[in-house]
Amino acid sequence: MLDYMIYLITFAAGSILGLLYSYKQHGEPFVAETKFNVPFALVSIVGWVLGFCSGSVILSAIGFLLAGFVMGERPGYGRKETVLGLIIAIIVYLLLKWPL
């Protein structure tokens, strides 16, 4: 039960940090930039893969912090990167857990 609390707290902290960073980067009141952000995509992929596939509580917490950072950006930012990270993490999880 404590593991899940750690995951929730780190995800919420990552979301808050992502929101603060996003407001610092983008001052416009609406989504003006729709290009794909490769560094945030890498952070999202690493975060979701660590969150889903690592067996360690600490590594999973770090993964959820990273995933929350990208997912917690202002509305409209980070959505493509989050979806890509989730898709790749699910594929990696299935490949690791799939009985061959």
Protein backbone atom coordinates (compact mmCIF):
# COMPACT_ATOMS: atom_id res chain seq x y z
CA MET A 1 0.00 0.00 0.00
CA LEU A 2 2.87 2.36 0.78
CA ASP A 3 4.33 1.71 -2.68
CA TYR A 4 1.21 3.09 -4.35
CA MET A 5 1.29 6.18 -2.15
CA ILE A 6 4.89 6.84 -3.17
CA TYR A 7 3.91 6.47 -6.84
CA LEU A 8 0.99 8.88 -6.46
CA ILE A 9 3.07 11.47 -4.61
CA THR A 10 5.93 11.36 -7.13
CA PHE A 11 3.50 11.51 -10.08
CA ALA A 12 1.75 14.53 -8.54
CA ALA A 13 5.10 16.21 -7.83
CA GLY A 14 6.18 15.57 -11.43
CA SER A 15 2.92 17.03 -12.71
CA ILE A 16 3.37 20.17 -10.65
CA LEU A 17 6.98 20.55 -11.81
CA GLY A 18 5.91 20.02 -15.42
CA LEU A 19 3.18 22.63 -15.09
CA LEU A 20 5.57 25.17 -13.59
CA TYR A 21 8.15 24.48 -16.28
CA SER A 22 5.53 24.74 -19.02
CA TYR A 23 4.27 28.10 -17.77
CA LYS A 24 7.85 29.36 -17.71
CA GLN A 25 8.45 28.18 -21.29
CA HIS A 26 5.11 29.16 -22.87
CA GLY A 27 3.52 32.47 -21.99
CA GLU A 28 0.75 32.42 -24.57
CA PRO A 29 -2.80 31.78 -23.29
CA PHE A 30 -3.52 28.94 -25.73
CA VAL A 31 -1.65 26.20 -27.58
CA ALA A 32 0.37 27.97 -30.26
CA GLU A 33 3.02 25.34 -30.84
CA THR A 34 2.04 21.94 -32.19
CA LYS A 35 5.42 20.50 -33.14
CA PHE A 36 6.65 17.24 -31.64
CA ASN A 37 9.10 17.75 -28.76
CA VAL A 38 11.74 15.01 -29.01
CA PRO A 39 13.45 15.59 -25.62
CA PHE A 40 10.10 15.42 -23.81
CA ALA A 41 9.22 12.31 -25.79
CA LEU A 42 12.40 10.64 -24.55
CA VAL A 43 11.65 11.69 -20.98
CA SER A 44 8.14 10.30 -21.33
CA ILE A 45 9.35 7.00 -22.79
CA VAL A 46 11.97 6.54 -20.07
CA GLY A 47 9.46 7.52 -17.38
CA TRP A 48 6.67 5.19 -18.45
CA VAL A 49 9.02 2.27 -19.12
CA LEU A 50 10.62 2.69 -15.70
CA GLY A 51 7.21 3.08 -14.08
CA PHE A 52 5.75 -0.05 -15.64
CA CYS A 53 8.70 -2.37 -16.11
CA SER A 54 11.18 -1.84 -13.28
CA GLY A 55 10.92 -4.09 -10.30
CA SER A 56 12.23 -1.49 -7.87
CA VAL A 57 10.06 0.94 -5.93
CA ILE A 58 12.65 3.71 -6.29
CA LEU A 59 13.05 3.29 -10.05
CA SER A 60 9.28 3.11 -10.52
CA ALA A 61 8.86 6.29 -8.47
CA ILE A 62 11.48 8.06 -10.59
CA GLY A 63 9.69 6.82 -13.70
CA PHE A 64 6.35 8.17 -12.53
CA LEU A 65 8.00 11.48 -11.64
CA LEU A 66 9.35 11.77 -15.19
CA ALA A 67 6.07 10.67 -16.76
CA GLY A 68 4.14 13.13 -14.61
CA PHE A 69 6.51 15.90 -15.64
CA VAL A 70 5.62 15.48 -19.30
CA MET A 71 1.95 14.71 -18.70
CA GLY A 72 1.50 17.63 -16.32
CA GLU A 73 2.35 20.37 -18.78
CA ARG A 74 -0.19 23.01 -19.69
CA PRO A 75 -3.24 21.73 -21.57
CA GLY A 76 -2.31 20.99 -25.15
CA TYR A 77 1.40 20.51 -24.53
CA GLY A 78 2.97 17.10 -24.07
CA ARG A 79 -0.02 15.09 -25.21
CA LYS A 80 1.69 13.52 -28.23
CA GLU A 81 4.81 12.76 -26.24
CA THR A 82 2.77 11.15 -23.45
CA VAL A 83 0.86 8.93 -25.87
CA LEU A 84 4.07 7.81 -27.54
CA GLY A 85 5.65 7.06 -24.16
CA LEU A 86 2.64 5.04 -23.04
CA ILE A 87 2.50 3.04 -26.27
CA ILE A 88 6.18 2.16 -26.12
CA ALA A 89 5.98 1.31 -22.41
CA ILE A 90 3.03 -1.02 -23.00
CA ILE A 91 4.88 -2.73 -25.86
CA VAL A 92 8.01 -3.16 -23.71
CA TYR A 93 5.89 -4.48 -20.83
CA LEU A 94 4.16 -7.01 -23.07
CA LEU A 95 7.46 -8.14 -24.56
CA LEU A 96 8.98 -8.63 -21.12
CA LYS A 97 5.97 -10.36 -19.56
CA TRP A 98 4.76 -12.33 -22.58
CA PRO A 99 5.38 -16.08 -22.16
CA LEU A 100 7.47 -17.26 -25.08
